[in-house]
């Protein structure tokens, strides 16, 4: 069963991330990933002390791919209103089924610090744009937190079968921006 090519830690992280992306952290199981990679668990333990170490690496990748890449894209716009529009358009198009269960499973999976940190970074990013638009700091944080929660909630609704009930996502982005910046 061992593969002819030596696997790297990055190979394990990529396979773990793919399982997380599609089904949440519950899918990040060493035995299943070893099967996916066509190798044994021994290869895993060459790179990681335990499953928790792999989960931490998967969470680091989630942080970069599902937060940093969106803020980098949004930062290309000079105007804070346009940055928010770019950000919300981009996240309205993403599909990350595994993240839906992450917020529910964070404590059980031991990743509450990761979730808290990523959520704070997302809220801080939106709040800073709102402050640039002249909204008072505390109010900007409240609105930003509501916006992040709304974005996650809309994704859950779509995933839970309510997608056909939703209006055009582009229209929803516009409505969210108007509500945030009013």
N, C-alpha and C. Protein backbone atom coordinates (compact mmCIF):
# COMPACT_ATOMS: atom_id res chain seq x y z
N UNK A 1 0.81 -1.19 0.00
CA UNK A 1 0.00 0.00 0.00
C UNK A 1 0.85 1.26 0.00
N UNK A 2 2.06 1.20 0.51
CA UNK A 2 2.92 2.38 0.57
C UNK A 2 3.18 2.91 -0.83
N UNK A 3 3.15 4.23 -0.96
CA UNK A 3 3.34 4.83 -2.28
C UNK A 3 4.80 4.81 -2.65
N UNK A 4 5.05 4.82 -3.96
CA UNK A 4 6.42 4.81 -4.44
C UNK A 4 7.09 6.16 -4.20
N UNK A 5 6.31 7.21 -4.17
CA UNK A 5 6.83 8.56 -3.94
C UNK A 5 6.71 8.90 -2.47
N UNK A 6 7.78 9.43 -1.92
CA UNK A 6 7.75 9.83 -0.51
C UNK A 6 6.84 11.04 -0.36
N UNK A 7 5.92 10.95 0.58
CA UNK A 7 4.98 12.04 0.81
C UNK A 7 5.57 13.07 1.76
N UNK A 8 5.21 14.31 1.53
CA UNK A 8 5.67 15.38 2.40
C UNK A 8 4.56 15.77 3.37
N UNK A 9 4.90 16.57 4.35
CA UNK A 9 3.88 17.10 5.25
C UNK A 9 2.85 17.90 4.46
N UNK A 10 3.30 18.63 3.44
CA UNK A 10 2.37 19.40 2.61
C UNK A 10 1.36 18.51 1.90
N UNK A 11 1.78 17.30 1.50
CA UNK A 11 0.84 16.36 0.87
C UNK A 11 -0.26 15.98 1.86
N UNK A 12 0.15 15.71 3.09
CA UNK A 12 -0.83 15.35 4.12
C UNK A 12 -1.75 16.53 4.43
N UNK A 13 -1.18 17.73 4.49
CA UNK A 13 -2.00 18.91 4.77
C UNK A 13 -3.00 19.14 3.63
N UNK A 14 -2.53 19.01 2.40
CA UNK A 14 -3.43 19.20 1.25
C UNK A 14 -4.57 18.19 1.26
N UNK A 15 -4.26 16.94 1.55
CA UNK A 15 -5.30 15.91 1.61
C UNK A 15 -6.23 16.15 2.78
N UNK A 16 -5.69 16.56 3.92
CA UNK A 16 -6.52 16.88 5.08
C UNK A 16 -7.41 18.08 4.81
N UNK A 17 -6.85 19.08 4.13
CA UNK A 17 -7.63 20.27 3.80
C UNK A 17 -8.77 19.93 2.83
N UNK A 18 -8.50 19.08 1.88
CA UNK A 18 -9.55 18.67 0.94
C UNK A 18 -10.70 18.00 1.69
N UNK A 19 -10.38 17.16 2.66
CA UNK A 19 -11.42 16.51 3.46
C UNK A 19 -12.15 17.53 4.32
N UNK A 20 -11.43 18.47 4.92
CA UNK A 20 -12.06 19.53 5.70
C UNK A 20 -12.96 20.38 4.81
N UNK A 21 -12.45 20.76 3.66
CA UNK A 21 -13.21 21.61 2.73
C UNK A 21 -14.56 20.99 2.40
N UNK A 22 -14.56 19.70 2.14
CA UNK A 22 -15.78 19.03 1.69
C UNK A 22 -16.70 18.59 2.82
N UNK A 23 -16.14 18.28 3.99
CA UNK A 23 -17.01 17.71 5.01
C UNK A 23 -16.74 18.12 6.44
N UNK A 24 -15.87 19.09 6.65
CA UNK A 24 -15.59 19.52 8.01
C UNK A 24 -14.43 18.76 8.63
N UNK A 25 -14.09 19.17 9.83
CA UNK A 25 -12.95 18.55 10.51
C UNK A 25 -13.18 17.09 10.86
N UNK A 26 -14.42 16.67 10.97
CA UNK A 26 -14.70 15.26 11.24
C UNK A 26 -14.13 14.34 10.17
N UNK A 27 -13.98 14.87 8.96
CA UNK A 27 -13.42 14.08 7.87
C UNK A 27 -11.91 14.01 7.87
N UNK A 28 -11.28 14.81 8.70
CA UNK A 28 -9.81 14.83 8.77
C UNK A 28 -9.38 13.72 9.72
N UNK A 29 -9.38 12.50 9.16
CA UNK A 29 -9.02 11.31 9.93
C UNK A 29 -7.78 10.69 9.29
N UNK A 30 -6.82 10.35 10.11
CA UNK A 30 -5.53 9.87 9.61
C UNK A 30 -5.70 8.65 8.71
N UNK A 31 -6.49 7.68 9.15
CA UNK A 31 -6.66 6.45 8.36
C UNK A 31 -7.27 6.75 7.00
N UNK A 32 -8.29 7.60 6.96
CA UNK A 32 -8.96 7.93 5.71
C UNK A 32 -8.02 8.70 4.77
N UNK A 33 -7.26 9.61 5.32
CA UNK A 33 -6.33 10.38 4.49
C UNK A 33 -5.23 9.47 3.96
N UNK A 34 -4.76 8.55 4.79
CA UNK A 34 -3.75 7.59 4.32
C UNK A 34 -4.30 6.80 3.12
N UNK A 35 -5.55 6.37 3.22
CA UNK A 35 -6.17 5.67 2.07
C UNK A 35 -6.22 6.59 0.86
N UNK A 36 -6.63 7.85 1.07
CA UNK A 36 -6.69 8.80 -0.04
C UNK A 36 -5.34 8.95 -0.73
N UNK A 37 -4.29 8.94 0.08
CA UNK A 37 -2.93 9.14 -0.45
C UNK A 37 -2.27 7.84 -0.91
N UNK A 38 -2.92 6.73 -0.63
CA UNK A 38 -2.35 5.44 -1.03
C UNK A 38 -1.12 5.07 -0.23
N UNK A 39 -1.16 5.35 1.07
CA UNK A 39 -0.01 5.08 1.92
C UNK A 39 -0.49 4.54 3.27
N UNK A 40 0.43 4.43 4.19
CA UNK A 40 0.09 3.93 5.52
C UNK A 40 0.14 5.08 6.53
N UNK A 41 -0.36 4.80 7.73
CA UNK A 41 -0.31 5.80 8.80
C UNK A 41 1.13 6.11 9.22
N UNK A 42 2.03 5.19 8.97
CA UNK A 42 3.43 5.43 9.32
C UNK A 42 3.98 6.68 8.65
N UNK A 43 3.58 6.93 7.43
CA UNK A 43 4.00 8.13 6.71
C UNK A 43 3.51 9.38 7.44
N UNK A 44 2.29 9.32 7.95
CA UNK A 44 1.73 10.44 8.69
C UNK A 44 2.59 10.75 9.91
N UNK A 45 2.90 9.74 10.69
CA UNK A 45 3.64 9.95 11.93
C UNK A 45 5.09 10.36 11.70
N UNK A 46 5.55 10.22 10.48
CA UNK A 46 6.87 10.75 10.13
C UNK A 46 6.83 12.28 10.12
N UNK A 47 5.68 12.86 9.82
CA UNK A 47 5.54 14.31 9.69
C UNK A 47 4.80 14.99 10.85
N UNK A 48 3.91 14.27 11.51
CA UNK A 48 3.06 14.87 12.55
C UNK A 48 3.06 14.01 13.80
N UNK A 49 3.01 14.68 14.94
CA UNK A 49 2.98 13.95 16.21
C UNK A 49 1.64 13.25 16.41
N UNK A 50 0.58 13.91 15.96
CA UNK A 50 -0.76 13.36 16.15
C UNK A 50 -1.75 14.09 15.25
N UNK A 51 -3.00 13.67 15.31
CA UNK A 51 -4.05 14.28 14.49
C UNK A 51 -4.19 15.76 14.79
N UNK A 52 -4.05 16.16 16.06
CA UNK A 52 -4.19 17.56 16.44
C UNK A 52 -3.18 18.44 15.69
N UNK A 53 -1.99 17.93 15.46
CA UNK A 53 -0.97 18.69 14.72
C UNK A 53 -1.40 18.88 13.27
N UNK A 54 -1.98 17.84 12.67
CA UNK A 54 -2.49 17.97 11.31
C UNK A 54 -3.66 18.95 11.26
N UNK A 55 -4.56 18.85 12.22
CA UNK A 55 -5.71 19.76 12.27
C UNK A 55 -5.23 21.20 12.39
N UNK A 56 -4.20 21.45 13.20
CA UNK A 56 -3.66 22.81 13.32
C UNK A 56 -3.12 23.30 11.97
N UNK A 57 -2.46 22.43 11.24
CA UNK A 57 -1.94 22.81 9.92
C UNK A 57 -3.08 23.07 8.94
N UNK A 58 -4.13 22.28 9.02
CA UNK A 58 -5.31 22.49 8.18
C UNK A 58 -5.97 23.83 8.53
N UNK A 59 -6.05 24.14 9.82
CA UNK A 59 -6.64 25.43 10.24
C UNK A 59 -5.79 26.61 9.78
N UNK A 60 -4.48 26.44 9.78
CA UNK A 60 -3.61 27.50 9.28
C UNK A 60 -3.88 27.74 7.80
N UNK A 61 -4.02 26.67 7.05
CA UNK A 61 -4.32 26.82 5.62
C UNK A 61 -5.70 27.45 5.42
N UNK A 62 -6.68 27.04 6.22
CA UNK A 62 -8.02 27.64 6.15
C UNK A 62 -7.94 29.14 6.40
N UNK A 63 -7.17 29.53 7.39
CA UNK A 63 -7.01 30.94 7.71
C UNK A 63 -6.48 31.71 6.51
N UNK A 64 -5.47 31.16 5.87
CA UNK A 64 -4.86 31.84 4.72
C UNK A 64 -5.78 31.84 3.51
N UNK A 65 -6.38 30.71 3.20
CA UNK A 65 -7.16 30.59 1.98
C UNK A 65 -8.55 31.20 2.08
N UNK A 66 -9.13 31.16 3.26
CA UNK A 66 -10.50 31.63 3.39
C UNK A 66 -10.61 33.00 4.07
N UNK A 67 -9.49 33.62 4.37
CA UNK A 67 -9.51 34.99 4.89
C UNK A 67 -8.50 35.82 4.11
N UNK A 68 -7.24 35.45 4.17
CA UNK A 68 -6.19 36.25 3.54
C UNK A 68 -6.44 36.46 2.05
N UNK A 69 -6.80 35.42 1.33
CA UNK A 69 -6.95 35.58 -0.12
C UNK A 69 -8.07 36.55 -0.46
N UNK A 70 -9.12 36.59 0.35
CA UNK A 70 -10.21 37.52 0.09
C UNK A 70 -9.82 38.96 0.43
N UNK A 71 -9.09 39.15 1.51
CA UNK A 71 -8.69 40.50 1.87
C UNK A 71 -7.65 41.04 0.90
N UNK A 72 -6.77 40.19 0.41
CA UNK A 72 -5.78 40.62 -0.60
C UNK A 72 -6.52 41.08 -1.86
N UNK A 73 -7.50 40.31 -2.29
CA UNK A 73 -8.28 40.69 -3.46
C UNK A 73 -9.02 42.01 -3.22
N UNK A 74 -9.63 42.15 -2.06
CA UNK A 74 -10.39 43.37 -1.75
C UNK A 74 -9.47 44.58 -1.63
N UNK A 75 -8.27 44.38 -1.12
CA UNK A 75 -7.34 45.49 -0.93
C UNK A 75 -6.89 46.12 -2.25
N UNK A 76 -7.14 45.48 -3.36
CA UNK A 76 -6.81 46.07 -4.66
C UNK A 76 -7.67 47.30 -4.93
N UNK A 77 -8.81 47.41 -4.27
CA UNK A 77 -9.67 48.58 -4.43
C UNK A 77 -9.25 49.65 -3.43
N UNK A 78 -9.12 50.87 -3.89
CA UNK A 78 -8.67 51.95 -3.01
C UNK A 78 -9.78 52.44 -2.09
N UNK A 79 -10.99 52.49 -2.58
CA UNK A 79 -12.13 53.02 -1.84
C UNK A 79 -12.67 51.97 -0.86
N UNK A 80 -12.91 52.32 0.39
CA UNK A 80 -13.38 51.33 1.37
C UNK A 80 -14.73 50.71 0.99
N UNK A 81 -15.63 51.48 0.40
CA UNK A 81 -16.92 50.93 -0.02
C UNK A 81 -16.72 49.87 -1.12
N UNK A 82 -15.82 50.17 -2.04
CA UNK A 82 -15.53 49.20 -3.11
C UNK A 82 -14.80 47.98 -2.55
N UNK A 83 -13.90 48.17 -1.56
CA UNK A 83 -13.25 47.02 -0.93
C UNK A 83 -14.29 46.08 -0.33
N UNK A 84 -15.28 46.66 0.36
CA UNK A 84 -16.34 45.83 0.94
C UNK A 84 -17.14 45.13 -0.16
N UNK A 85 -17.43 45.84 -1.24
CA UNK A 85 -18.18 45.23 -2.35
C UNK A 85 -17.40 44.06 -2.95
N UNK A 86 -16.10 44.26 -3.19
CA UNK A 86 -15.26 43.18 -3.73
C UNK A 86 -15.25 42.00 -2.77
N UNK A 87 -15.06 42.29 -1.49
CA UNK A 87 -15.01 41.24 -0.47
C UNK A 87 -16.31 40.44 -0.44
N UNK A 88 -17.44 41.11 -0.34
CA UNK A 88 -18.70 40.39 -0.22
C UNK A 88 -19.11 39.69 -1.51
N UNK A 89 -18.75 40.25 -2.66
CA UNK A 89 -19.00 39.53 -3.92
C UNK A 89 -18.20 38.23 -3.96
N UNK A 90 -16.93 38.32 -3.56
CA UNK A 90 -16.06 37.14 -3.59
C UNK A 90 -16.56 36.06 -2.63
N UNK A 91 -16.90 36.45 -1.41
CA UNK A 91 -17.33 35.43 -0.46
C UNK A 91 -18.72 34.90 -0.79
N UNK A 92 -19.52 35.67 -1.51
CA UNK A 92 -20.84 35.15 -1.89
C UNK A 92 -20.74 34.07 -2.96
N UNK A 93 -19.61 34.02 -3.64
CA UNK A 93 -19.40 33.03 -4.69
C UNK A 93 -18.67 31.78 -4.20
N UNK A 94 -18.10 31.84 -3.02
CA UNK A 94 -17.31 30.70 -2.54
C UNK A 94 -18.22 29.57 -2.07
N UNK A 95 -17.67 28.38 -2.09
CA UNK A 95 -18.38 27.22 -1.56
C UNK A 95 -17.39 26.47 -0.68
N UNK A 96 -17.65 26.51 0.61
CA UNK A 96 -16.77 25.87 1.59
C UNK A 96 -17.63 25.08 2.55
N UNK A 97 -18.16 23.94 2.11
CA UNK A 97 -19.08 23.18 2.98
C UNK A 97 -18.50 22.83 4.34
N UNK A 98 -17.22 22.55 4.42
CA UNK A 98 -16.62 22.16 5.68
C UNK A 98 -16.63 23.25 6.73
N UNK A 99 -16.63 24.51 6.29
CA UNK A 99 -16.63 25.61 7.25
C UNK A 99 -17.97 25.70 7.97
N UNK A 100 -19.03 25.26 7.33
CA UNK A 100 -20.35 25.34 7.95
C UNK A 100 -20.40 24.60 9.28
N UNK A 101 -19.79 23.45 9.33
CA UNK A 101 -19.81 22.69 10.58
C UNK A 101 -18.69 23.10 11.53
N UNK A 102 -17.72 23.83 11.04
CA UNK A 102 -16.58 24.21 11.87
C UNK A 102 -17.00 25.00 13.10
N UNK A 103 -17.91 25.93 12.93
CA UNK A 103 -18.33 26.77 14.06
C UNK A 103 -19.06 25.94 15.11
N UNK A 104 -19.75 24.92 14.68
CA UNK A 104 -20.45 24.04 15.61
C UNK A 104 -19.50 23.05 16.28
N UNK A 105 -18.49 22.63 15.55
CA UNK A 105 -17.57 21.59 16.02
C UNK A 105 -16.30 22.13 16.66
N UNK A 106 -16.12 23.44 16.69
CA UNK A 106 -14.84 24.02 17.10
C UNK A 106 -14.40 23.55 18.48
N UNK A 107 -15.30 23.56 19.44
CA UNK A 107 -14.92 23.16 20.80
C UNK A 107 -14.53 21.68 20.85
N UNK A 108 -15.37 20.83 20.26
CA UNK A 108 -15.10 19.39 20.26
C UNK A 108 -13.79 19.07 19.55
N UNK A 109 -13.50 19.81 18.49
CA UNK A 109 -12.29 19.56 17.70
C UNK A 109 -11.06 20.28 18.25
N UNK A 110 -11.25 21.09 19.28
CA UNK A 110 -10.12 21.79 19.89
C UNK A 110 -9.57 22.94 19.06
N UNK A 111 -10.44 23.58 18.27
CA UNK A 111 -9.96 24.66 17.39
C UNK A 111 -10.66 25.99 17.67
N UNK A 112 -11.19 26.16 18.88
CA UNK A 112 -11.88 27.41 19.18
C UNK A 112 -10.95 28.61 19.06
N UNK A 113 -9.67 28.47 19.40
CA UNK A 113 -8.74 29.59 19.25
C UNK A 113 -8.59 29.98 17.78
N UNK A 114 -8.51 28.99 16.90
CA UNK A 114 -8.42 29.28 15.46
C UNK A 114 -9.67 30.01 14.98
N UNK A 115 -10.82 29.49 15.34
CA UNK A 115 -12.08 30.10 14.89
C UNK A 115 -12.19 31.52 15.44
N UNK A 116 -11.86 31.70 16.69
CA UNK A 116 -11.93 33.04 17.30
C UNK A 116 -10.98 34.00 16.59
N UNK A 117 -9.76 33.56 16.32
CA UNK A 117 -8.76 34.41 15.67
C UNK A 117 -9.18 34.79 14.25
N UNK A 118 -9.64 33.81 13.49
CA UNK A 118 -10.06 34.09 12.11
C UNK A 118 -11.29 34.98 12.10
N UNK A 119 -12.24 34.71 12.97
CA UNK A 119 -13.44 35.55 13.04
C UNK A 119 -13.06 36.98 13.41
N UNK A 120 -12.17 37.15 14.37
CA UNK A 120 -11.74 38.49 14.77
C UNK A 120 -11.06 39.22 13.60
N UNK A 121 -10.24 38.50 12.84
CA UNK A 121 -9.58 39.12 11.69
C UNK A 121 -10.60 39.55 10.65
N UNK A 122 -11.60 38.73 10.42
CA UNK A 122 -12.63 39.08 9.45
C UNK A 122 -13.42 40.30 9.93
N UNK A 123 -13.81 40.29 11.18
CA UNK A 123 -14.55 41.43 11.75
C UNK A 123 -13.68 42.69 11.69
N UNK A 124 -12.43 42.59 12.07
CA UNK A 124 -11.53 43.75 12.06
C UNK A 124 -11.39 44.33 10.66
N UNK A 125 -11.31 43.46 9.66
CA UNK A 125 -11.15 43.94 8.28
C UNK A 125 -12.37 44.75 7.86
N UNK A 126 -13.55 44.20 8.08
CA UNK A 126 -14.78 44.90 7.69
C UNK A 126 -14.93 46.17 8.51
N UNK A 127 -14.67 46.09 9.81
CA UNK A 127 -14.81 47.27 10.67
C UNK A 127 -13.88 48.39 10.24
N UNK A 128 -12.66 48.06 9.85
CA UNK A 128 -11.72 49.12 9.44
C UNK A 128 -12.21 49.85 8.20
N UNK A 129 -12.82 49.13 7.27
CA UNK A 129 -13.39 49.79 6.09
C UNK A 129 -14.56 50.68 6.49
N UNK A 130 -15.37 50.21 7.42
CA UNK A 130 -16.51 51.02 7.87
C UNK A 130 -16.05 52.28 8.59
N UNK A 131 -14.99 52.17 9.38
CA UNK A 131 -14.44 53.35 10.05
C UNK A 131 -13.95 54.35 9.01
N UNK A 132 -13.29 53.85 7.95
CA UNK A 132 -12.84 54.74 6.88
C UNK A 132 -14.02 55.48 6.24
N UNK A 133 -15.18 54.85 6.26
CA UNK A 133 -16.38 55.47 5.70
C UNK A 133 -17.05 56.43 6.67
N UNK A 134 -16.46 56.60 7.85
CA UNK A 134 -16.96 57.58 8.79
C UNK A 134 -17.87 57.03 9.88
N UNK A 135 -17.95 55.72 9.99
CA UNK A 135 -18.78 55.12 11.04
C UNK A 135 -17.94 55.01 12.31
N UNK A 136 -18.52 55.38 13.42
CA UNK A 136 -17.84 55.35 14.72
C UNK A 136 -17.33 53.94 14.99
N UNK A 137 -16.18 53.83 15.65
CA UNK A 137 -15.46 52.56 15.83
C UNK A 137 -16.32 51.47 16.46
N UNK A 138 -16.97 51.73 17.57
CA UNK A 138 -17.76 50.68 18.23
C UNK A 138 -18.93 50.24 17.35
N UNK A 139 -19.57 51.19 16.70
CA UNK A 139 -20.67 50.86 15.79
C UNK A 139 -20.16 50.07 14.59
N UNK A 140 -19.00 50.45 14.09
CA UNK A 140 -18.40 49.73 12.96
C UNK A 140 -18.13 48.28 13.33
N UNK A 141 -17.63 48.03 14.54
CA UNK A 141 -17.37 46.66 14.97
C UNK A 141 -18.67 45.86 15.08
N UNK A 142 -19.71 46.48 15.63
CA UNK A 142 -21.00 45.78 15.72
C UNK A 142 -21.53 45.43 14.33
N UNK A 143 -21.47 46.39 13.42
CA UNK A 143 -21.93 46.14 12.05
C UNK A 143 -21.08 45.08 11.37
N UNK A 144 -19.78 45.15 11.60
CA UNK A 144 -18.87 44.17 10.98
C UNK A 144 -19.17 42.77 11.50
N UNK A 145 -19.39 42.64 12.79
CA UNK A 145 -19.72 41.34 13.35
C UNK A 145 -21.03 40.82 12.76
N UNK A 146 -22.01 41.70 12.62
CA UNK A 146 -23.29 41.31 12.01
C UNK A 146 -23.08 40.90 10.55
N UNK A 147 -22.20 41.59 9.84
CA UNK A 147 -21.94 41.26 8.44
C UNK A 147 -21.27 39.90 8.30
N UNK A 148 -20.29 39.62 9.14
CA UNK A 148 -19.61 38.32 9.09
C UNK A 148 -20.61 37.22 9.43
N UNK A 149 -21.42 37.44 10.45
CA UNK A 149 -22.44 36.46 10.81
C UNK A 149 -23.47 36.26 9.70
N UNK A 150 -23.83 37.34 9.03
CA UNK A 150 -24.78 37.24 7.92
C UNK A 150 -24.18 36.43 6.78
N UNK A 151 -22.93 36.70 6.45
CA UNK A 151 -22.28 35.95 5.36
C UNK A 151 -22.25 34.46 5.67
N UNK A 152 -21.89 34.11 6.90
CA UNK A 152 -21.87 32.69 7.28
C UNK A 152 -23.28 32.11 7.29
N UNK A 153 -24.23 32.87 7.80
CA UNK A 153 -25.61 32.40 7.85
C UNK A 153 -26.19 32.16 6.47
N UNK A 154 -25.89 33.04 5.53
CA UNK A 154 -26.39 32.86 4.17
C UNK A 154 -25.81 31.59 3.54
N UNK A 155 -24.55 31.33 3.83
CA UNK A 155 -23.93 30.11 3.31
C UNK A 155 -24.61 28.88 3.91
N UNK A 156 -24.92 28.92 5.19
CA UNK A 156 -25.62 27.80 5.84
C UNK A 156 -27.02 27.62 5.25
N UNK A 157 -27.71 28.71 5.03
CA UNK A 157 -29.05 28.61 4.43
C UNK A 157 -28.99 27.98 3.05
N UNK A 158 -28.05 28.41 2.25
CA UNK A 158 -27.91 27.85 0.91
C UNK A 158 -27.58 26.37 0.98
N UNK A 159 -26.69 26.01 1.87
CA UNK A 159 -26.27 24.61 2.01
C UNK A 159 -27.40 23.75 2.57
N UNK A 160 -28.25 24.34 3.40
CA UNK A 160 -29.33 23.60 4.03
C UNK A 160 -30.57 23.45 3.17
N UNK A 161 -30.50 23.89 1.93
CA UNK A 161 -31.63 23.69 1.02
C UNK A 161 -32.42 24.93 0.71
N UNK A 162 -32.11 26.05 1.35
CA UNK A 162 -32.87 27.27 1.10
C UNK A 162 -32.31 28.08 -0.06
N UNK A 163 -31.27 27.59 -0.70
CA UNK A 163 -30.65 28.30 -1.82
C UNK A 163 -31.64 28.76 -2.87
N UNK A 164 -32.59 27.90 -3.29
CA UNK A 164 -33.55 28.33 -4.31
C UNK A 164 -34.46 29.48 -3.85
N UNK A 165 -34.58 29.67 -2.55
CA UNK A 165 -35.42 30.76 -2.04
C UNK A 165 -34.69 32.10 -2.05
N UNK A 166 -33.38 32.06 -2.16
CA UNK A 166 -32.58 33.28 -2.07
C UNK A 166 -32.71 34.10 -3.34
N UNK A 167 -32.70 35.41 -3.17
CA UNK A 167 -32.67 36.30 -4.31
C UNK A 167 -31.27 36.25 -4.91
N UNK A 168 -31.08 36.91 -6.00
CA UNK A 168 -29.79 36.95 -6.66
C UNK A 168 -28.70 37.37 -5.66
N UNK A 169 -27.61 36.62 -5.62
CA UNK A 169 -26.54 36.91 -4.66
C UNK A 169 -25.93 38.30 -4.88
N UNK A 170 -25.87 38.75 -6.11
CA UNK A 170 -25.36 40.09 -6.38
C UNK A 170 -26.25 41.15 -5.75
N UNK A 171 -27.56 40.95 -5.84
CA UNK A 171 -28.50 41.88 -5.20
C UNK A 171 -28.34 41.83 -3.68
N UNK A 172 -28.09 40.64 -3.14
CA UNK A 172 -27.92 40.51 -1.70
C UNK A 172 -26.66 41.25 -1.24
N UNK A 173 -25.60 41.20 -2.03
CA UNK A 173 -24.37 41.92 -1.69
C UNK A 173 -24.67 43.41 -1.63
N UNK A 174 -25.39 43.91 -2.60
CA UNK A 174 -25.75 45.33 -2.61
C UNK A 174 -26.59 45.71 -1.40
N UNK A 175 -27.54 44.86 -1.05
CA UNK A 175 -28.39 45.13 0.13
C UNK A 175 -27.54 45.12 1.40
N UNK A 176 -26.64 44.17 1.52
CA UNK A 176 -25.78 44.11 2.70
C UNK A 176 -24.92 45.36 2.81
N UNK A 177 -24.35 45.80 1.69
CA UNK A 177 -23.53 47.00 1.71
C UNK A 177 -24.32 48.23 2.10
N UNK A 178 -25.53 48.36 1.58
CA UNK A 178 -26.36 49.50 1.94
C UNK A 178 -26.69 49.48 3.43
N UNK A 179 -27.00 48.31 3.95
CA UNK A 179 -27.32 48.20 5.38
C UNK A 179 -26.11 48.51 6.25
N UNK A 180 -24.94 48.05 5.83
CA UNK A 180 -23.72 48.29 6.60
C UNK A 180 -23.30 49.74 6.64
N UNK A 181 -23.48 50.41 5.51
CA UNK A 181 -22.92 51.74 5.37
C UNK A 181 -23.95 52.85 5.56
N UNK A 182 -25.18 52.50 5.89
CA UNK A 182 -26.23 53.52 6.05
C UNK A 182 -25.96 54.40 7.25
